Amino acid sequence: MSLIDLVEQLFKQYGYFVLLIGLPLDAIALPIPPGNTTLTYTGYLAYKGVFDWLPAIVAAYFGSIIGMTITYWIGYTIGLPIVERYGKWIFIKPATLERTRNAYHKHGNKLFLISYFSPGIRQFIGYFVGIIRVPFSTFALYAYTGAGIWVTFFFLIGYLFGPQWQQVFLLIEQYLKYIFIGIGLLLVGLISWRLYIWLKQRSNKLDRESGS
């Protein structure tokens, strides 16, 4: 059975509940049909008149924020004690966690606006921000906004392109992959550049101290 056949069968059996249950399970990182495919197929079913578009979008939105909220509270309540107790076995030391927390507070909130579009990041960023104790109000502002963008984007692919949704979906997913690879390379480059500047400044400082 193909992935699309599985999603179609689930929709026939459970209707809107696929979105309210399946999307939270996708966020928790369980092995179910991925959220991008589910949302796009939902849009296609709305195009065909199987679903009303508004209840479908509302169910998908609430399903996505339920899942992300569950992962946040899991990370917030039990994630930090686990890291503090077993972090050394997975190479996460308290100092590393503190540096990560500081870096996130400077730049990380905006990641929520695009994190839904990247499988893997979507499934773990909720746990991560819970572990570093990002305030819930901040989490909700960015995560719930990102969820709305994600749900609407992939739903509209199926709704607007109808029978061609699979071709358009595969094309967009392919380009998204390259976009995120490019972003990753850019971040590596920026980090490398900042490290180079820091090492150069440190070397100059040591030279001045040894010459004085």
Protein backbone atom coordinates (compact mmCIF):
# COMPACT_ATOMS: atom_id res chain seq x y z
CA MET A 1 0.00 0.00 0.00
CA SER A 2 1.41 3.39 -1.01
CA LEU A 3 1.56 6.36 1.35
CA ILE A 4 -1.27 8.12 -0.50
CA ASP A 5 -3.44 4.98 -0.35
CA LEU A 6 -2.86 4.78 3.40
CA VAL A 7 -3.78 8.44 3.94
CA GLU A 8 -6.90 8.02 1.76
CA GLN A 9 -7.98 4.96 3.74
CA LEU A 10 -7.51 6.80 7.03
CA PHE A 11 -9.61 9.72 5.79
CA LYS A 12 -12.38 7.39 4.66
CA GLN A 13 -12.51 5.75 8.08
CA TYR A 14 -11.98 8.71 10.41
CA GLY A 15 -12.63 11.92 8.47
CA TYR A 16 -11.61 15.11 10.25
CA PHE A 17 -10.30 13.08 13.20
CA VAL A 18 -7.30 12.13 11.04
CA LEU A 19 -6.21 15.76 11.36
CA LEU A 20 -7.01 16.13 15.05
CA ILE A 21 -5.23 12.88 15.93
CA GLY A 22 -2.76 12.27 13.11
CA LEU A 23 -1.08 15.68 13.13
CA PRO A 24 -0.35 15.55 16.88
CA LEU A 25 1.15 12.10 16.38
CA ASP A 26 3.28 13.48 13.55
CA ALA A 27 4.56 16.22 15.89
CA ILE A 28 5.39 13.66 18.58
CA ALA A 29 7.51 11.88 15.93
CA LEU A 30 5.57 8.65 15.68
CA PRO A 31 5.87 6.65 12.43
CA ILE A 32 2.67 7.79 10.65
CA PRO A 33 2.05 9.45 7.28
CA PRO A 34 3.92 12.79 7.34
CA GLY A 35 2.02 16.00 7.99
CA ASN A 36 2.94 17.67 4.69
CA THR A 37 1.35 14.86 2.69
CA THR A 38 -1.70 14.68 4.95
CA LEU A 39 -2.37 18.41 4.68
CA THR A 40 -1.97 18.52 0.92
CA TYR A 41 -4.27 15.56 0.45
CA THR A 42 -6.79 17.23 2.77
CA GLY A 43 -6.77 20.24 0.45
CA TYR A 44 -7.36 17.95 -2.51
CA LEU A 45 -10.32 16.31 -0.77
CA ALA A 46 -11.72 19.78 -0.08
CA TYR A 47 -11.26 20.58 -3.78
CA LYS A 48 -13.30 17.46 -4.63
CA GLY A 49 -16.01 18.45 -2.14
CA VAL A 50 -15.40 15.49 0.16
CA PHE A 51 -14.62 17.93 3.01
CA ASP A 52 -15.70 21.49 3.65
CA TRP A 53 -12.56 23.61 3.41
CA LEU A 54 -13.08 25.69 6.57
CA PRO A 55 -13.64 22.82 9.04
CA ALA A 56 -10.73 20.97 7.43
CA ILE A 57 -8.33 23.88 7.92
CA VAL A 58 -9.56 24.47 11.48
CA ALA A 59 -9.15 20.78 12.37
CA ALA A 60 -5.69 20.71 10.80
CA TYR A 61 -4.61 23.87 12.63
CA PHE A 62 -5.77 22.63 16.01
CA GLY A 63 -4.24 19.21 15.37
CA SER A 64 -0.87 20.78 14.63
CA ILE A 65 -0.83 23.09 17.67
CA ILE A 66 -2.02 20.28 19.95
CA GLY A 67 0.91 18.15 18.84
CA MET A 68 3.47 20.93 19.20
CA THR A 69 2.10 21.89 22.62
CA ILE A 70 2.33 18.29 23.85
CA THR A 71 5.99 18.09 22.81
CA TYR A 72 6.71 21.43 24.50
CA TRP A 73 5.26 20.32 27.84
CA ILE A 74 7.00 16.96 27.66
CA GLY A 75 10.30 18.76 27.17
CA TYR A 76 9.45 21.33 29.84
CA THR A 77 8.40 18.88 32.55
CA ILE A 78 10.70 15.88 32.12
CA GLY A 79 13.20 16.83 29.42
CA LEU A 80 15.59 18.87 31.57
CA PRO A 81 15.85 16.29 34.40
CA ILE A 82 16.62 13.61 31.79
CA VAL A 83 19.32 15.77 30.19
CA GLU A 84 20.83 16.64 33.57
CA ARG A 85 20.95 12.99 34.57
CA TYR A 86 21.87 11.31 31.31
CA GLY A 87 23.20 14.19 29.22
CA LYS A 88 26.81 13.04 29.44
CA TRP A 89 25.86 9.82 27.69
CA ILE A 90 24.42 11.74 24.73
CA PHE A 91 27.08 14.46 24.80
CA ILE A 92 24.82 17.19 26.19
CA LYS A 93 26.60 18.82 29.11
CA PRO A 94 25.05 21.56 31.32
CA ALA A 95 27.45 24.15 29.84
CA THR A 96 26.43 23.13 26.32
CA LEU A 97 22.77 23.42 27.23
CA GLU A 98 23.34 26.88 28.70
CA ARG A 99 25.14 28.11 25.57
CA THR A 100 22.38 26.69 23.43
CA ARG A 101 19.78 28.44 25.58
CA ASN A 102 21.55 31.79 25.22
CA ALA A 103 21.90 31.37 21.47
CA TYR A 104 18.23 30.44 21.14
CA HIS A 105 17.06 33.48 23.08
CA LYS A 106 18.96 35.68 20.63
CA HIS A 107 17.89 34.12 17.34
CA GLY A 108 15.79 31.01 17.82
CA ASN A 109 12.18 32.15 18.10
CA LYS A 110 12.00 32.90 14.38
CA LEU A 111 12.85 29.26 13.67
CA PHE A 112 9.27 28.38 14.58
CA LEU A 113 8.00 30.23 11.53
CA ILE A 114 9.82 27.78 9.22
CA SER A 115 10.42 24.73 11.43
CA TYR A 116 7.12 23.11 10.42
CA PHE A 117 8.29 22.92 6.82
CA SER A 118 11.25 20.68 7.68
CA PRO A 119 10.51 17.08 8.74
CA GLY A 120 12.84 16.20 11.57
CA ILE A 121 13.05 19.73 12.89
CA ARG A 122 9.26 19.88 13.22
CA GLN A 123 9.23 16.75 15.35
CA PHE A 124 11.92 17.84 17.81
CA ILE A 125 11.91 21.61 18.17
CA GLY A 126 8.97 21.49 20.60
CA TYR A 127 10.86 19.17 22.94
CA PHE A 128 13.95 21.34 22.61
CA VAL A 129 12.34 24.66 23.55
CA GLY A 130 10.59 22.96 26.44
CA ILE A 131 13.90 21.62 27.73
CA ILE A 132 15.53 25.06 27.66
CA ARG A 133 12.43 26.53 29.35
CA VAL A 134 11.32 29.06 26.76
CA PRO A 135 8.28 30.83 28.29
CA PHE A 136 5.01 29.33 27.09
CA SER A 137 3.69 32.68 25.88
CA THR A 138 6.73 33.11 23.63
CA PHE A 139 6.51 29.52 22.45
CA ALA A 140 2.80 29.86 21.66
CA LEU A 141 3.20 33.14 19.75
CA TYR A 142 5.76 31.78 17.31
CA ALA A 143 4.76 28.11 17.22
CA TYR A 144 1.06 28.76 16.66
CA THR A 145 1.78 31.37 14.00
CA GLY A 146 4.14 28.95 12.25
CA ALA A 147 1.47 26.26 12.42
CA GLY A 148 -1.03 28.52 10.68
CA ILE A 149 1.44 29.28 7.88
CA TRP A 150 2.32 25.60 7.44
CA VAL A 151 -1.26 24.32 7.45
CA THR A 152 -2.48 26.97 5.01
CA PHE A 153 0.45 26.53 2.62
CA PHE A 154 0.18 22.77 2.14
CA PHE A 155 -3.62 22.75 2.25
CA LEU A 156 -3.73 25.26 -0.59
CA ILE A 157 -1.47 23.10 -2.75
CA GLY A 158 -4.13 20.39 -2.81
CA TYR A 159 -7.06 22.79 -2.92
CA LEU A 160 -5.80 25.03 -5.73
CA PHE A 161 -4.06 22.48 -7.95
CA GLY A 162 -6.62 19.70 -7.64
CA PRO A 163 -5.71 16.60 -9.68
CA GLN A 164 -2.18 17.95 -10.25
CA TRP A 165 -1.49 18.25 -6.52
CA GLN A 166 0.96 15.33 -6.38
CA GLN A 167 3.22 16.75 -9.10
CA VAL A 168 3.19 20.22 -7.52
CA PHE A 169 3.71 18.76 -4.04
CA LEU A 170 6.74 16.71 -5.10
CA LEU A 171 8.21 19.73 -6.89
CA ILE A 172 7.79 21.98 -3.86
CA GLU A 173 9.19 19.37 -1.46
CA GLN A 174 12.21 19.00 -3.72
CA TYR A 175 12.85 22.74 -3.73
CA LEU A 176 12.25 22.97 0.02
CA LYS A 177 14.96 20.37 0.52
CA TYR A 178 17.44 22.47 -1.43
CA ILE A 179 16.35 25.62 0.37
CA PHE A 180 17.02 24.07 3.78
CA ILE A 181 20.34 22.65 2.59
CA GLY A 182 21.25 26.17 1.49
CA ILE A 183 20.19 27.63 4.83
CA GLY A 184 22.24 24.99 6.64
CA LEU A 185 25.33 25.75 4.55
CA LEU A 186 24.84 29.47 5.15
CA LEU A 187 24.63 28.93 8.92
CA VAL A 188 27.78 26.78 8.85
CA GLY A 189 29.54 29.50 6.91
CA LEU A 190 28.46 32.22 9.32
CA ILE A 191 29.50 30.17 12.35
CA SER A 192 32.85 29.38 10.73
CA TRP A 193 33.42 33.06 9.95
CA ARG A 194 32.61 34.14 13.51
CA LEU A 195 34.93 31.42 14.83
CA TYR A 196 37.69 32.64 12.51
CA ILE A 197 37.26 36.25 13.72
CA TRP A 198 37.28 35.13 17.36
CA LEU A 199 40.44 33.06 16.87
CA LYS A 200 42.14 35.91 15.04
CA GLN A 201 41.26 38.40 17.77
CA ARG A 202 42.46 35.99 20.43
CA SER A 203 45.74 35.42 18.56
CA ASN A 204 46.32 39.18 18.24
CA LYS A 205 45.61 39.64 21.93
CA LEU A 206 48.10 36.92 22.88
CA ASP A 207 50.70 38.48 20.57
CA ARG A 208 50.25 41.86 22.23
CA GLU A 209 50.49 40.35 25.71
CA SER A 210 53.65 38.39 24.84
CA GLY A 211 55.26 41.48 23.31
CA SER A 212 54.54 43.79 26.26
